[in-house]
Structure formats: structure tokens, C-alpha cells
C-alpha atoms as a PDB file:
ATOM      1  CA  MET A   1      -4.031 -30.552   6.154  1.00  0.00           C
ATOM      2  CA  THR A   2      -1.996 -33.217   8.651  1.00  0.00           C
ATOM      3  CA  ALA A   3      -1.985 -36.719   8.975  1.00  0.00           C
ATOM      4  CA  ALA A   4      -4.605 -37.227  11.864  1.00  0.00           C
ATOM      5  CA  SER A   5      -6.465 -35.722   9.779  1.00  0.00           C
ATOM      6  CA  VAL A   6      -7.092 -37.712   7.142  1.00  0.00           C
ATOM      7  CA  LEU A   7     -10.558 -39.975   6.668  1.00  0.00           C
ATOM      8  CA  PRO A   8      -8.675 -43.559   7.300  1.00  0.00           C
ATOM      9  CA  GLU A   9     -11.551 -44.552   4.695  1.00  0.00           C
ATOM     10  CA  ALA A  10      -9.179 -42.380   2.605  1.00  0.00           C
ATOM     11  CA  ALA A  11      -5.822 -43.518   3.365  1.00  0.00           C
ATOM     12  CA  ALA A  12      -3.396 -44.824   1.399  1.00  0.00           C
ATOM     13  CA  GLY A  13      -3.474 -48.927   1.168  1.00  0.00           C
ATOM     14  CA  ALA A  14      -6.687 -48.358   3.364  1.00  0.00           C
ATOM     15  CA  LEU A  15      -7.529 -51.330   0.968  1.00  0.00           C
ATOM     16  CA  ALA A  16      -4.434 -52.905   0.629  1.00  0.00           C
ATOM     17  CA  GLY A  17      -4.669 -56.972  -0.829  1.00  0.00           C
ATOM     18  CA  ARG A  18      -7.855 -56.598  -1.987  1.00  0.00           C
ATOM     19  CA  ARG A  19     -10.014 -57.282  -5.463  1.00  0.00           C
ATOM     20  CA  VAL A  20     -12.434 -55.092  -5.958  1.00  0.00           C
ATOM     21  CA  ALA A  21     -14.298 -55.809  -9.339  1.00  0.00           C
ATOM     22  CA  LEU A  22     -15.625 -52.604 -11.691  1.00  0.00           C
ATOM     23  CA  PRO A  23     -18.410 -53.181 -14.053  1.00  0.00           C
ATOM     24  CA  GLU A  24     -17.721 -49.464 -14.525  1.00  0.00           C
ATOM     25  CA  SER A  25     -17.446 -47.791 -18.017  1.00  0.00           C
ATOM     26  CA  ARG A  26     -18.041 -44.143 -17.994  1.00  0.00           C
ATOM     27  CA  ALA A  27     -16.104 -42.830 -15.798  1.00  0.00           C
ATOM     28  CA  LEU A  28     -14.329 -46.499 -15.281  1.00  0.00           C
ATOM     29  CA  GLU A  29     -10.489 -44.892 -14.061  1.00  0.00           C
ATOM     30  CA  VAL A  30     -11.617 -42.320 -11.794  1.00  0.00           C
ATOM     31  CA  PHE A  31     -13.313 -44.855 -10.056  1.00  0.00           C
ATOM     32  CA  ALA A  32     -10.543 -46.882 -10.682  1.00  0.00           C
ATOM     33  CA  GLY A  33      -8.391 -44.911  -8.408  1.00  0.00           C
ATOM     34  CA  LEU A  34     -10.245 -44.042  -6.201  1.00  0.00           C
ATOM     35  CA  LEU A  35     -10.003 -47.480  -5.560  1.00  0.00           C
ATOM     36  CA  GLU A  36      -6.006 -48.228  -6.189  1.00  0.00           C
ATOM     37  CA  ARG A  37      -4.856 -45.012  -4.576  1.00  0.00           C
ATOM     38  CA  ARG A  38      -6.540 -46.988  -1.921  1.00  0.00           C
ATOM     39  CA  GLY A  39      -3.763 -49.634  -2.277  1.00  0.00           C
ATOM     40  CA  ALA A  40      -6.358 -52.082  -3.941  1.00  0.00           C
ATOM     41  CA  GLU A  41      -6.339 -53.954  -7.192  1.00  0.00           C
ATOM     42  CA  VAL A  42      -8.539 -53.340  -9.299  1.00  0.00           C
ATOM     43  CA  TRP A  43     -10.451 -55.818 -11.496  1.00  0.00           C
ATOM     44  CA  ARG A  44     -11.644 -53.938 -14.717  1.00  0.00           C
ATOM     45  CA  CYS A  45     -14.452 -55.179 -16.664  1.00  0.00           C
ATOM     46  CA  PRO A  46     -16.622 -52.537 -18.265  1.00  0.00           C
ATOM     47  CA  LEU A  47     -19.815 -53.768 -19.498  1.00  0.00           C
ATOM     48  CA  ILE A  48     -22.050 -51.438 -20.878  1.00  0.00           C
ATOM     49  CA  ALA A  49     -21.493 -49.016 -23.904  1.00  0.00           C
ATOM     50  CA  ILE A  50     -23.563 -46.153 -24.179  1.00  0.00           C
ATOM     51  CA  HIS A  51     -24.738 -44.523 -27.671  1.00  0.00           C
ATOM     52  CA  ASP A  52     -27.198 -42.106 -29.203  1.00  0.00           C
ATOM     53  CA  SER A  53     -30.583 -43.152 -29.915  1.00  0.00           C
ATOM     54  CA  PRO A  54     -30.606 -44.926 -33.797  1.00  0.00           C
ATOM     55  CA  ASP A  55     -33.447 -43.655 -34.165  1.00  0.00           C
ATOM     56  CA  ARG A  56     -32.557 -39.300 -34.906  1.00  0.00           C
ATOM     57  CA  THR A  57     -35.863 -39.017 -36.344  1.00  0.00           C
ATOM     58  CA  ALA A  58     -38.366 -39.082 -33.500  1.00  0.00           C
ATOM     59  CA  ILE A  59     -35.544 -37.515 -31.311  1.00  0.00           C
ATOM     60  CA  GLU A  60     -35.602 -34.754 -33.511  1.00  0.00           C
ATOM     61  CA  ALA A  61     -39.024 -34.294 -33.728  1.00  0.00           C
ATOM     62  CA  TRP A  62     -39.507 -34.289 -29.526  1.00  0.00           C
ATOM     63  CA  LEU A  63     -37.285 -31.521 -29.557  1.00  0.00           C
ATOM     64  CA  HIS A  64     -38.978 -29.728 -32.548  1.00  0.00           C
ATOM     65  CA  ARG A  65     -42.097 -29.858 -30.343  1.00  0.00           C
ATOM     66  CA  ALA A  66     -40.343 -29.496 -27.512  1.00  0.00           C
ATOM     67  CA  ILE A  67     -38.889 -26.063 -28.707  1.00  0.00           C
ATOM     68  CA  GLU A  68     -42.994 -25.353 -31.182  1.00  0.00           C
ATOM     69  CA  ALA A  69     -44.817 -25.652 -28.366  1.00  0.00           C
ATOM     70  CA  PRO A  70     -43.320 -26.082 -25.406  1.00  0.00           C
ATOM     71  CA  PHE A  71     -44.260 -28.119 -22.773  1.00  0.00           C
ATOM     72  CA  ASP A  72     -45.531 -27.082 -19.696  1.00  0.00           C
ATOM     73  CA  ARG A  73     -43.114 -29.605 -17.524  1.00  0.00           C
ATOM     74  CA  LEU A  74     -39.946 -31.865 -18.559  1.00  0.00           C
ATOM     75  CA  ILE A  75     -38.824 -34.179 -16.229  1.00  0.00           C
ATOM     76  CA  PHE A  76     -34.820 -35.045 -16.665  1.00  0.00           C
ATOM     77  CA  LEU A  77     -33.860 -38.536 -14.902  1.00  0.00           C
ATOM     78  CA  THR A  78     -30.319 -38.303 -16.122  1.00  0.00           C
ATOM     79  CA  GLY A  79     -27.822 -36.074 -16.759  1.00  0.00           C
ATOM     80  CA  GLU A  80     -26.524 -38.651 -19.563  1.00  0.00           C
ATOM     81  CA  GLY A  81     -30.337 -37.283 -21.572  1.00  0.00           C
ATOM     82  CA  PHE A  82     -30.009 -33.794 -21.087  1.00  0.00           C
ATOM     83  CA  THR A  83     -26.074 -34.070 -22.816  1.00  0.00           C
ATOM     84  CA  ARG A  84     -27.107 -36.262 -25.086  1.00  0.00           C
ATOM     85  CA  LEU A  85     -30.580 -34.083 -26.341  1.00  0.00           C
ATOM     86  CA  THR A  86     -28.206 -31.479 -26.683  1.00  0.00           C
ATOM     87  CA  GLY A  87     -25.937 -32.914 -28.717  1.00  0.00           C
ATOM     88  CA  PHE A  88     -28.721 -34.128 -31.234  1.00  0.00           C
ATOM     89  CA  ALA A  89     -30.402 -30.341 -30.608  1.00  0.00           C
ATOM     90  CA  ARG A  90     -27.189 -29.288 -32.209  1.00  0.00           C
ATOM     91  CA  ARG A  91     -26.435 -31.259 -34.657  1.00  0.00           C
ATOM     92  CA  ALA A  92     -30.154 -30.257 -36.158  1.00  0.00           C
ATOM     93  CA  GLY A  93     -28.797 -26.624 -35.514  1.00  0.00           C
ATOM     94  CA  ARG A  94     -31.567 -26.041 -33.159  1.00  0.00           C
ATOM     95  CA  GLU A  95     -29.372 -25.963 -29.723  1.00  0.00           C
ATOM     96  CA  ASP A  96     -29.802 -22.404 -28.808  1.00  0.00           C
ATOM     97  CA  ALA A  97     -33.432 -22.955 -29.077  1.00  0.00           C
ATOM     98  CA  TRP A  98     -33.567 -25.878 -27.239  1.00  0.00           C
ATOM     99  CA  LEU A  99     -31.914 -24.552 -24.317  1.00  0.00           C
ATOM    100  CA  ALA A 100     -34.218 -21.199 -24.786  1.00  0.00           C
ATOM    101  CA  ALA A 101     -36.261 -24.050 -23.860  1.00  0.00           C
ATOM    102  CA  VAL A 102     -35.926 -25.226 -21.498  1.00  0.00           C
ATOM    103  CA  ALA A 103     -34.659 -22.865 -19.378  1.00  0.00           C
ATOM    104  CA  ARG A 104     -38.113 -21.230 -19.645  1.00  0.00           C
ATOM    105  CA  THR A 105     -39.575 -24.563 -19.302  1.00  0.00           C
ATOM    106  CA  PRO A 106     -40.198 -25.645 -15.598  1.00  0.00           C
ATOM    107  CA  THR A 107     -38.168 -28.793 -15.416  1.00  0.00           C
ATOM    108  CA  LEU A 108     -37.773 -31.092 -11.799  1.00  0.00           C
ATOM    109  CA  VAL A 109     -34.909 -33.635 -12.289  1.00  0.00           C
ATOM    110  CA  ARG A 110     -34.645 -36.901 -10.496  1.00  0.00           C
ATOM    111  CA  GLY A 111     -31.062 -36.422  -9.191  1.00  0.00           C
ATOM    112  CA  PRO A 112     -28.098 -33.963  -8.443  1.00  0.00           C
ATOM    113  CA  LYS A 113     -26.601 -35.305 -11.554  1.00  0.00           C
ATOM    114  CA  PRO A 114     -29.307 -33.817 -14.801  1.00  0.00           C
ATOM    115  CA  GLY A 115     -28.166 -30.502 -12.522  1.00  0.00           C
ATOM    116  CA  ARG A 116     -24.425 -30.629 -12.601  1.00  0.00           C
ATOM    117  CA  ALA A 117     -25.699 -31.558 -16.467  1.00  0.00           C
ATOM    118  CA  MET A 118     -27.334 -28.895 -16.757  1.00  0.00           C
ATOM    119  CA  LYS A 119     -25.071 -25.640 -15.235  1.00  0.00           C
ATOM    120  CA  PRO A 120     -21.751 -26.226 -18.216  1.00  0.00           C
ATOM    121  CA  PHE A 121     -24.867 -24.876 -20.724  1.00  0.00           C
ATOM    122  CA  GLY A 122     -26.655 -22.411 -18.751  1.00  0.00           C
ATOM    123  CA  VAL A 123     -29.922 -24.172 -17.387  1.00  0.00           C
ATOM    124  CA  ARG A 124     -30.923 -25.118 -14.146  1.00  0.00           C
ATOM    125  CA  PRO A 125     -33.177 -27.354 -12.774  1.00  0.00           C
ATOM    126  CA  ASP A 126     -36.604 -25.877 -10.734  1.00  0.00           C
ATOM    127  CA  ALA A 127     -36.825 -28.472  -8.669  1.00  0.00           C
ATOM    128  CA  VAL A 128     -35.416 -31.627  -7.821  1.00  0.00           C
ATOM    129  CA  ALA A 129     -37.329 -34.972  -6.632  1.00  0.00           C
ATOM    130  CA  ALA A 130     -37.506 -35.691  -3.005  1.00  0.00           C
ATOM    131  CA  ALA A 131     -35.111 -38.305  -3.864  1.00  0.00           C
ATOM    132  CA  PRO A 132     -33.178 -39.957  -6.862  1.00  0.00           C
ATOM    133  CA  THR A 133     -35.623 -42.426  -7.411  1.00  0.00           C
ATOM    134  CA  THR A 134     -38.697 -43.070  -9.790  1.00  0.00           C
ATOM    135  CA  GLU A 135     -40.173 -43.405  -6.292  1.00  0.00           C
ATOM    136  CA  GLY A 136     -38.958 -39.459  -5.190  1.00  0.00           C
ATOM    137  CA  ILE A 137     -40.775 -38.209  -8.686  1.00  0.00           C
ATOM    138  CA  ILE A 138     -43.541 -39.832  -8.202  1.00  0.00           C
ATOM    139  CA  GLU A 139     -43.838 -37.875  -3.930  1.00  0.00           C
ATOM    140  CA  THR A 140     -42.455 -34.837  -5.320  1.00  0.00           C
ATOM    141  CA  LEU A 141     -45.771 -34.487  -8.058  1.00  0.00           C
ATOM    142  CA  SER A 142     -48.257 -36.102  -5.636  1.00  0.00           C
ATOM    143  CA  GLY A 143     -50.761 -33.589  -4.894  1.00  0.00           C
ATOM    144  CA  GLN A 144     -50.048 -31.047  -7.781  1.00  0.00           C
ATOM    145  CA  ASP A 145     -52.991 -30.629 -10.262  1.00  0.00           C
ATOM    146  CA  LEU A 146     -51.225 -32.057 -13.536  1.00  0.00           C
ATOM    147  CA  ALA A 147     -54.672 -32.638 -15.211  1.00  0.00           C
ATOM    148  CA  GLY A 148     -54.464 -31.174 -18.727  1.00  0.00           C
ATOM    149  CA  GLN A 149     -50.693 -30.592 -18.475  1.00  0.00           C
ATOM    150  CA  ARG A 150     -48.596 -31.328 -21.390  1.00  0.00           C
ATOM    151  CA  ILE A 151     -44.800 -33.573 -19.907  1.00  0.00           C
ATOM    152  CA  GLY A 152     -42.160 -34.512 -21.969  1.00  0.00           C
ATOM    153  CA  VAL A 153     -40.360 -36.931 -19.962  1.00  0.00           C
ATOM    154  CA  GLN A 154     -36.667 -38.058 -20.461  1.00  0.00           C
ATOM    155  CA  LEU A 155     -36.600 -41.553 -20.295  1.00  0.00           C
ATOM    156  CA  TYR A 156     -33.224 -43.793 -21.148  1.00  0.00           C
ATOM    157  CA  GLY A 157     -32.151 -47.389 -22.845  1.00  0.00           C
ATOM    158  CA  ALA A 158     -34.766 -49.796 -23.543  1.00  0.00           C
ATOM    159  CA  GLU A 159     -37.237 -49.028 -19.869  1.00  0.00           C
ATOM    160  CA  PRO A 160     -40.214 -47.931 -20.140  1.00  0.00           C
ATOM    161  CA  ASN A 161     -40.403 -46.980 -16.033  1.00  0.00           C
ATOM    162  CA  ARG A 162     -44.203 -47.972 -16.709  1.00  0.00           C
ATOM    163  CA  ARG A 163     -44.272 -46.771 -13.074  1.00  0.00           C
ATOM    164  CA  LEU A 164     -43.669 -43.110 -13.350  1.00  0.00           C
ATOM    165  CA  LEU A 165     -45.995 -42.708 -17.158  1.00  0.00           C
ATOM    166  CA  GLU A 166     -48.916 -44.608 -15.683  1.00  0.00           C
ATOM    167  CA  PHE A 167     -49.175 -41.841 -12.281  1.00  0.00           C
ATOM    168  CA  LEU A 168     -48.443 -38.980 -14.536  1.00  0.00           C
ATOM    169  CA  GLU A 169     -51.491 -40.483 -17.298  1.00  0.00           C
ATOM    170  CA  GLN A 170     -53.880 -41.009 -14.413  1.00  0.00           C
ATOM    171  CA  ALA A 171     -53.108 -37.736 -12.932  1.00  0.00           C
ATOM    172  CA  GLY A 172     -54.739 -36.377 -16.380  1.00  0.00           C
ATOM    173  CA  ALA A 173     -51.006 -35.584 -18.150  1.00  0.00           C
ATOM    174  CA  GLU A 174     -50.380 -36.073 -21.440  1.00  0.00           C
ATOM    175  CA  VAL A 175     -46.643 -37.427 -21.444  1.00  0.00           C
ATOM    176  CA  PHE A 176     -44.138 -37.145 -24.306  1.00  0.00           C
ATOM    177  CA  PRO A 177     -41.505 -39.985 -23.464  1.00  0.00           C
ATOM    178  CA  VAL A 178     -37.999 -39.372 -25.515  1.00  0.00           C
ATOM    179  CA  TRP A 179     -35.432 -42.366 -25.515  1.00  0.00           C
ATOM    180  CA  PRO A 180     -32.184 -40.357 -26.224  1.00  0.00           C
ATOM    181  CA  TYR A 181     -29.603 -43.277 -25.636  1.00  0.00           C
ATOM    182  CA  ARG A 182     -28.987 -47.064 -25.482  1.00  0.00           C
ATOM    183  CA  TYR A 183     -27.484 -49.385 -23.884  1.00  0.00           C
ATOM    184  CA  ALA A 184     -24.656 -51.800 -25.551  1.00  0.00           C
ATOM    185  CA  ASP A 185     -22.341 -53.977 -24.582  1.00  0.00           C
ATOM    186  CA  ALA A 186     -19.347 -53.255 -24.449  1.00  0.00           C
ATOM    187  CA  ALA A 187     -17.041 -55.832 -22.783  1.00  0.00           C
ATOM    188  CA  GLU A 188     -15.807 -59.023 -24.826  1.00  0.00           C
ATOM    189  CA  THR A 189     -17.967 -61.749 -23.557  1.00  0.00           C
ATOM    190  CA  GLY A 190     -14.868 -63.545 -23.291  1.00  0.00           C
ATOM    191  CA  CYS A 191     -13.343 -60.649 -20.027  1.00  0.00           C
ATOM    192  CA  VAL A 192     -17.413 -60.987 -18.348  1.00  0.00           C
ATOM    193  CA  THR A 193     -16.591 -64.945 -18.337  1.00  0.00           C
ATOM    194  CA  GLY A 194     -13.618 -64.692 -17.127  1.00  0.00           C
ATOM    195  CA  LEU A 195     -14.803 -61.822 -14.734  1.00  0.00           C
ATOM    196  CA  ILE A 196     -17.573 -65.179 -13.625  1.00  0.00           C
ATOM    197  CA  GLU A 197     -15.764 -67.271 -13.471  1.00  0.00           C
ATOM    198  CA  ALA A 198     -13.156 -65.206 -10.877  1.00  0.00           C
ATOM    199  CA  LEU A 199     -16.627 -64.153  -8.231  1.00  0.00           C
ATOM    200  CA  ILE A 200     -17.750 -68.188  -8.849  1.00  0.00           C
ATOM    201  CA  ALA A 201     -13.336 -69.105  -7.402  1.00  0.00           C
ATOM    202  CA  GLY A 202     -14.022 -66.268  -5.079  1.00  0.00           C
ATOM    203  CA  GLU A 203     -11.140 -64.588  -6.506  1.00  0.00           C
ATOM    204  CA  VAL A 204     -12.549 -61.510  -6.210  1.00  0.00           C
ATOM    205  CA  ASP A 205     -13.475 -59.346  -2.723  1.00  0.00           C
ATOM    206  CA  ALA A 206     -16.131 -57.026  -3.536  1.00  0.00           C
ATOM    207  CA  ILE A 207     -18.131 -56.028  -6.584  1.00  0.00           C
ATOM    208  CA  ALA A 208     -19.612 -51.896  -7.140  1.00  0.00           C
ATOM    209  CA  PHE A 209     -22.019 -51.474  -9.790  1.00  0.00           C
ATOM    210  CA  THR A 210     -23.254 -48.047 -10.437  1.00  0.00           C
ATOM    211  CA  SER A 211     -25.886 -48.806 -13.138  1.00  0.00           C
ATOM    212  CA  GLN A 212     -28.602 -51.587 -14.139  1.00  0.00           C
ATOM    213  CA  ALA A 213     -27.441 -52.139 -17.278  1.00  0.00           C
ATOM    214  CA  GLN A 214     -24.252 -53.158 -15.309  1.00  0.00           C
ATOM    215  CA  VAL A 215     -26.442 -55.891 -13.300  1.00  0.00           C
ATOM    216  CA  ARG A 216     -28.328 -57.741 -16.009  1.00  0.00           C
ATOM    217  CA  ARG A 217     -25.318 -57.756 -18.108  1.00  0.00           C
ATOM    218  CA  LEU A 218     -23.241 -59.670 -15.946  1.00  0.00           C
ATOM    219  CA  LEU A 219     -26.443 -61.831 -15.242  1.00  0.00           C
ATOM    220  CA  ALA A 220     -26.792 -62.610 -18.332  1.00  0.00           C
ATOM    221  CA  VAL A 221     -23.735 -64.144 -19.527  1.00  0.00           C
ATOM    222  CA  ALA A 222     -23.664 -65.889 -16.735  1.00  0.00           C
ATOM    223  CA  ARG A 223     -27.206 -67.512 -17.762  1.00  0.00           C
ATOM    224  CA  ALA A 224     -25.737 -68.132 -21.098  1.00  0.00           C
ATOM    225  CA  ASP A 225     -23.043 -70.203 -19.970  1.00  0.00           C
ATOM    226  CA  ASP A 226     -24.981 -72.005 -17.671  1.00  0.00           C
ATOM    227  CA  ARG A 227     -23.438 -70.245 -14.295  1.00  0.00           C
ATOM    228  CA  HIS A 228     -26.178 -68.072 -13.704  1.00  0.00           C
ATOM    229  CA  ASP A 229     -26.721 -70.092  -9.623  1.00  0.00           C
ATOM    230  CA  ALA A 230     -22.925 -70.635  -9.619  1.00  0.00           C
ATOM    231  CA  LEU A 231     -23.141 -66.579  -9.554  1.00  0.00           C
ATOM    232  CA  ARG A 232     -25.785 -66.024  -7.324  1.00  0.00           C
ATOM    233  CA  ALA A 233     -23.913 -68.160  -5.133  1.00  0.00           C
ATOM    234  CA  ALA A 234     -20.603 -67.009  -5.588  1.00  0.00           C
ATOM    235  CA  LEU A 235     -22.428 -63.209  -5.021  1.00  0.00           C
ATOM    236  CA  GLU A 236     -23.679 -64.086  -1.705  1.00  0.00           C
ATOM    237  CA  GLY A 237     -19.236 -65.014  -0.400  1.00  0.00           C
ATOM    238  CA  THR A 238     -18.515 -61.684  -1.469  1.00  0.00           C
ATOM    239  CA  VAL A 239     -19.015 -57.912  -1.318  1.00  0.00           C
ATOM    240  CA  VAL A 240     -22.186 -56.304  -3.161  1.00  0.00           C
ATOM    241  CA  ALA A 241     -21.553 -52.625  -3.522  1.00  0.00           C
ATOM    242  CA  ALA A 242     -24.321 -50.591  -5.296  1.00  0.00           C
ATOM    243  CA  ILE A 243     -24.619 -46.574  -5.796  1.00  0.00           C
ATOM    244  CA  GLY A 244     -27.786 -45.658  -4.547  1.00  0.00           C
ATOM    245  CA  PRO A 245     -31.510 -47.032  -4.348  1.00  0.00           C
ATOM    246  CA  VAL A 246     -32.105 -48.271  -7.596  1.00  0.00           C
ATOM    247  CA  VAL A 247     -29.000 -49.935  -8.546  1.00  0.00           C
ATOM    248  CA  ALA A 248     -29.949 -51.888  -5.193  1.00  0.00           C
ATOM    249  CA  GLU A 249     -33.113 -52.598  -6.493  1.00  0.00           C
ATOM    250  CA  GLU A 250     -32.323 -53.839  -8.601  1.00  0.00           C
ATOM    251  CA  LEU A 251     -29.600 -56.622  -7.302  1.00  0.00           C
ATOM    252  CA  ARG A 252     -32.625 -57.319  -5.240  1.00  0.00           C
ATOM    253  CA  THR A 253     -34.829 -58.391  -7.930  1.00  0.00           C
ATOM    254  CA  HIS A 254     -32.441 -60.670  -9.071  1.00  0.00           C
ATOM    255  CA  GLY A 255     -32.093 -62.238  -4.693  1.00  0.00           C
ATOM    256  CA  ILE A 256     -28.740 -60.871  -4.841  1.00  0.00           C
ATOM    257  CA  SER A 257     -28.049 -58.319  -1.545  1.00  0.00           C
ATOM    258  CA  PRO A 258     -25.563 -55.778  -2.069  1.00  0.00           C
ATOM    259  CA  ALA A 259     -23.828 -55.107   1.064  1.00  0.00           C
ATOM    260  CA  VAL A 260     -23.153 -51.168   0.513  1.00  0.00           C
ATOM    261  CA  VAL A 261     -25.143 -48.628  -0.518  1.00  0.00           C
ATOM    262  CA  PRO A 262     -24.241 -45.449  -0.023  1.00  0.00           C
ATOM    263  CA  ASP A 263     -26.381 -43.477   2.252  1.00  0.00           C
ATOM    264  CA  GLY A 264     -27.860 -40.107   0.557  1.00  0.00           C
ATOM    265  CA  ARG A 265     -25.284 -39.038  -1.268  1.00  0.00           C
ATOM    266  CA  TYR A 266     -24.812 -41.667  -4.757  1.00  0.00           C
ATOM    267  CA  PHE A 267     -21.905 -41.064  -6.081  1.00  0.00           C
ATOM    268  CA  MET A 268     -18.611 -42.352  -7.188  1.00  0.00           C
ATOM    269  CA  LYS A 269     -16.805 -40.931  -4.066  1.00  0.00           C
ATOM    270  CA  PRO A 270     -19.239 -41.571  -1.541  1.00  0.00           C
ATOM    271  CA  LEU A 271     -19.369 -45.455  -2.620  1.00  0.00           C
ATOM    272  CA  VAL A 272     -15.497 -46.101  -2.455  1.00  0.00           C
ATOM    273  CA  SER A 273     -15.771 -44.522   1.439  1.00  0.00           C
ATOM    274  CA  ALA A 274     -18.465 -46.566   2.577  1.00  0.00           C
ATOM    275  CA  LEU A 275     -16.918 -49.726   0.477  1.00  0.00           C
ATOM    276  CA  THR A 276     -13.791 -48.972   2.204  1.00  0.00           C
ATOM    277  CA  ARG A 277     -15.206 -48.659   5.441  1.00  0.00           C
ATOM    278  CA  HIS A 278     -17.082 -52.171   5.249  1.00  0.00           C
ATOM    279  CA  LEU A 279     -13.780 -53.999   3.613  1.00  0.00           C
ATOM    280  CA  ARG A 280     -12.060 -52.481   6.843  1.00  0.00           C
ATOM    281  CA  ALA A 281     -14.453 -53.397   9.416  1.00  0.00           C
ATOM    282  CA  ALA A 282     -14.712 -56.723   7.706  1.00  0.00           C
ATOM    283  CA  ALA A 283     -10.418 -57.428   7.961  1.00  0.00           C
END
């Protein structure tokens, strides 16, 4: 590859002098490295940790049902969810039976991430939603005869996803939801408060969100410190980036308009490229 063929947004120094805040937890160093290689100063402040659901009995009961009386259809919203369920199955001594059940059950995933999580286990989804959102799943299933079907649905956190569950129930399906993991606060409140103060002071050029939970956590800490309005006002003057439409919509529900959302590919590299182009254009 010649120097001339290097994309401008990937060039070293493309973000020199820019400070970017990352509330990421799971892949923080990968994300930070992508930005630092472009010259950015990265403010690391992981807001959320992910833990197995504490309700092991409920998870194992759901897995038992999936294995012994297989669902007519499985829906996975996240790769994390599939991986966590497989971990529960392994600890219960039923991993092989669980993976066999997944392999023989028609499976729909919300986006490409669940498929990538499934690949190392030798299974793959039968279908990917029209868009990586709840509405994308509904669009994919609309018009299909779901009446009388038993459908297992992997959800996450404490999010009930009433829109999806109500759609399935109204279509006549019997729905079996499962929540294999939950979010927990990872950062010390002091770290979050420091980030909020820096945002309000205009010391951060951009902040990049990769989950709804990060948005909620940041705003919750600001609200507890009576700085919610000040933070929202500060974010109007900060480049706010969202990894995809789900996170972008969460921001909008709080009155925050994301300036950067990748077009069509909702991963870290496209997010970094889109953010770099935006910051360079604004320079």
C-alpha cells in the first residue's frame, strides 16, 4: 500500500490536538487505540460493566426448555447474549445440547454481531434482521405466520423491549424471553463526575457512545449532581457520536442530537472513520 492510498481518516495525526471521551467498557483499549493511532488524546471513562444475570435458576430453566422442547424460532438481539447463554449452558454441563438445539432451530439475529459470536461455536443464524434494530426485527417478521409458534427471545439488561414482545404476542406467538446479563456501574462516580465537569467546561471535543446504558449512566450521574441541564447544554457544543441507530435514538429521547452516526455499518472502525471525517471537516 502506498502513502497515497491511505484514507485521510486513517492517517496518523488526523486527530492531533483533539480530545475524545470514550465511555466504552468491553473493548475500551481497542477503541482507544483506533483513535490514538490517529493522534487523538483519549479520555477513558468506562461507564458500564456487564455481568451474568444473578437469576441462574431462571436462565437454566429457559435453556432446559430450549433443549428438551425446542422453540419453533429463536431470536438473539446481541452477541453478548448468545455468549452468556452458552456460558450458562457450559456451567450446567449442557453446552453441546444447547448448541445442537440452536443448530436445529430457525434463528433470527438483530444484526451481524450475534452471528459473529455464534461462529466460533459452530452455529450460525438463519436470518439477519432487515436493520439492526427492534423495528428491523419486526419488519423482517411482518407478514410471516407466527400464530401458535413458541419463540425464544434473548433480551438484555433490564430492558423489557415491550415493542418486540407485544408485536410477537399480537401475531399469536407464545413468547419465552430471557435476560442472560445485566449492566452494572463500572466507573467510580468521581471519574464520571470529572468527565461531566470537563464536558461542561468545553474541554472535550467529542464523545462516542456505543450503548444505550452508557448514555443513561452519564445523564443519571449528572442529574444526581444537579448538573443535568448544564451537561445537556454542553453536549450541544460537543461532537456526539453514536455507534448506530439504537444508540442515536436513545440520545434523541434525552434531547441530544448525535452529530455522527456511521452509515450502514455499526462497528467501532466505521464509527472512528465517521468521527474522524467529521472532526477534520470542522477543523
